[in-house]
Amino acid sequence: MREINFYRTTSGHSPVEQFLDSLTARQGAKVTWVFRLIEELEFIPKQYFKKLVDTDDIWEVRVRVGRDTFRLLSFFDGPKVVVLNHVFAKQTQKIPRSDIRLAERRKRDYFRRKNDE
């Protein structure tokens, strides 16, 4: 069983939660369903959760709702905690490098602050 957490900035702001709050009820229900798969299934289908190559262990959660596709970038904090740290609506087939770099920066920030505690 895994646990999903949200990255927070030093001021306590969660970019992912803010994005999720803007979704329609139908979109939110599908995102919640995919989160449940990640939390409960030992082996998650790659169409919903996969490791991105050539990154600092960044994982992608992919949610399709009708014609919309949302990509949530994340990382692991230990073997069972998935930290969601960046999200965007899919525009192209490839994930923009700038989005991956932002997710990697937030990952480093997360662990730096965690180790300072």
Protein backbone atom coordinates (compact mmCIF):
# COMPACT_ATOMS: atom_id res chain seq x y z
CA MET A 1 0.00 0.00 0.00
CA ARG A 2 1.31 3.44 -0.95
CA GLU A 3 0.53 6.88 0.42
CA ILE A 4 0.16 10.01 -1.72
CA ASN A 5 1.39 13.32 -0.33
CA PHE A 6 1.57 16.79 -1.85
CA TYR A 7 4.72 18.89 -2.10
CA ARG A 8 4.46 22.20 -0.25
CA THR A 9 6.56 25.31 -0.73
CA THR A 10 8.27 26.93 2.25
CA SER A 11 5.17 29.12 2.64
CA GLY A 12 2.90 26.03 2.79
CA HIS A 13 1.43 26.44 -0.71
CA SER A 14 0.70 23.25 -2.68
CA PRO A 15 0.75 23.82 -6.46
CA VAL A 16 -0.83 20.41 -7.10
CA GLU A 17 -3.69 20.92 -4.65
CA GLN A 18 -4.38 24.34 -6.16
CA PHE A 19 -4.61 22.79 -9.63
CA LEU A 20 -6.83 19.94 -8.41
CA ASP A 21 -9.20 22.44 -6.77
CA SER A 22 -9.78 23.99 -10.20
CA LEU A 23 -11.01 20.75 -11.80
CA THR A 24 -14.62 19.92 -12.59
CA ALA A 25 -16.38 17.27 -10.49
CA ARG A 26 -15.96 14.70 -13.27
CA GLN A 27 -12.26 15.46 -13.66
CA GLY A 28 -11.73 15.36 -9.90
CA ALA A 29 -13.48 11.99 -9.64
CA LYS A 30 -11.19 10.48 -12.28
CA VAL A 31 -8.07 11.89 -10.59
CA THR A 32 -9.23 10.44 -7.27
CA TRP A 33 -9.80 7.06 -8.94
CA VAL A 34 -6.25 7.04 -10.37
CA PHE A 35 -4.83 8.05 -6.97
CA ARG A 36 -6.66 5.08 -5.44
CA LEU A 37 -5.04 2.75 -8.01
CA ILE A 38 -1.61 4.07 -7.05
CA GLU A 39 -2.31 3.68 -3.35
CA GLU A 40 -3.86 0.22 -3.49
CA LEU A 41 -2.40 -1.78 -6.40
CA GLU A 42 0.98 -3.45 -6.11
CA PHE A 43 1.52 -3.23 -9.87
CA ILE A 44 0.04 -0.10 -11.46
CA PRO A 45 -0.60 -0.11 -15.22
CA LYS A 46 1.94 2.07 -17.07
CA GLN A 47 -0.84 4.08 -18.65
CA TYR A 48 -1.45 5.60 -15.19
CA PHE A 49 1.96 5.61 -13.48
CA LYS A 50 5.45 5.30 -14.91
CA LYS A 51 9.01 6.37 -14.26
CA LEU A 52 10.32 8.99 -16.67
CA VAL A 53 13.62 8.16 -18.36
CA ASP A 54 16.59 10.53 -18.16
CA THR A 55 15.29 12.24 -15.01
CA ASP A 56 16.24 12.31 -11.33
CA ASP A 57 13.74 9.53 -10.47
CA ILE A 58 10.70 11.54 -11.50
CA TRP A 59 7.47 9.59 -12.00
CA GLU A 60 4.44 10.58 -14.06
CA VAL A 61 0.83 10.07 -13.01
CA ARG A 62 -1.34 10.33 -16.13
CA VAL A 63 -5.08 10.97 -15.94
CA ARG A 64 -7.32 11.11 -19.02
CA VAL A 65 -10.80 12.56 -18.75
CA GLY A 66 -12.55 12.80 -22.10
CA ARG A 67 -10.31 14.89 -24.32
CA ASP A 68 -8.26 16.24 -21.40
CA THR A 69 -5.06 14.65 -20.13
CA PHE A 70 -3.43 15.75 -16.89
CA ARG A 71 0.14 14.90 -16.02
CA LEU A 72 1.20 14.96 -12.40
CA LEU A 73 4.92 14.69 -11.77
CA SER A 74 6.09 13.04 -8.58
CA PHE A 75 8.89 11.26 -6.74
CA PHE A 76 9.20 8.66 -4.00
CA ASP A 77 10.08 9.45 -0.40
CA GLY A 78 11.03 5.93 0.64
CA PRO A 79 9.42 2.85 -0.87
CA LYS A 80 5.77 3.68 -0.10
CA VAL A 81 5.29 7.47 -0.19
CA VAL A 82 4.61 9.21 -3.51
CA VAL A 83 5.00 13.00 -3.38
CA LEU A 84 3.11 14.87 -6.12
CA ASN A 85 4.95 18.08 -6.88
CA HIS A 86 3.93 19.46 -10.30
CA VAL A 87 0.93 19.17 -12.58
CA PHE A 88 -0.08 20.43 -16.00
CA ALA A 89 -2.57 19.74 -18.75
CA LYS A 90 -1.01 17.76 -21.56
CA GLN A 91 -0.30 19.85 -24.62
CA THR A 92 2.09 17.60 -26.53
CA GLN A 93 3.17 13.98 -26.63
CA LYS A 94 6.46 14.79 -24.91
CA ILE A 95 6.77 16.31 -21.45
CA PRO A 96 8.48 19.71 -21.73
CA ARG A 97 11.99 19.64 -20.24
CA SER A 98 11.18 22.78 -18.23
CA ASP A 99 8.40 20.89 -16.39
CA ILE A 100 10.77 18.03 -15.58
CA ARG A 101 13.43 20.46 -14.31
CA LEU A 102 10.84 22.15 -12.07
CA ALA A 103 9.82 18.76 -10.64
CA GLU A 104 13.48 17.89 -10.01
CA ARG A 105 14.08 21.26 -8.26
CA ARG A 106 11.05 20.72 -6.04
CA LYS A 107 12.26 17.21 -5.22
CA ARG A 108 15.67 18.57 -4.12
CA ASP A 109 13.95 21.31 -2.09
CA TYR A 110 11.68 18.74 -0.42
CA PHE A 111 14.56 16.53 0.71
CA ARG A 112 16.77 19.47 1.71
CA ARG A 113 14.03 20.81 4.00
CA LYS A 114 13.20 17.32 5.29
CA ASN A 115 16.84 16.71 6.22
CA ASP A 116 17.05 20.10 7.98
CA GLU A 117 14.20 19.17 10.34
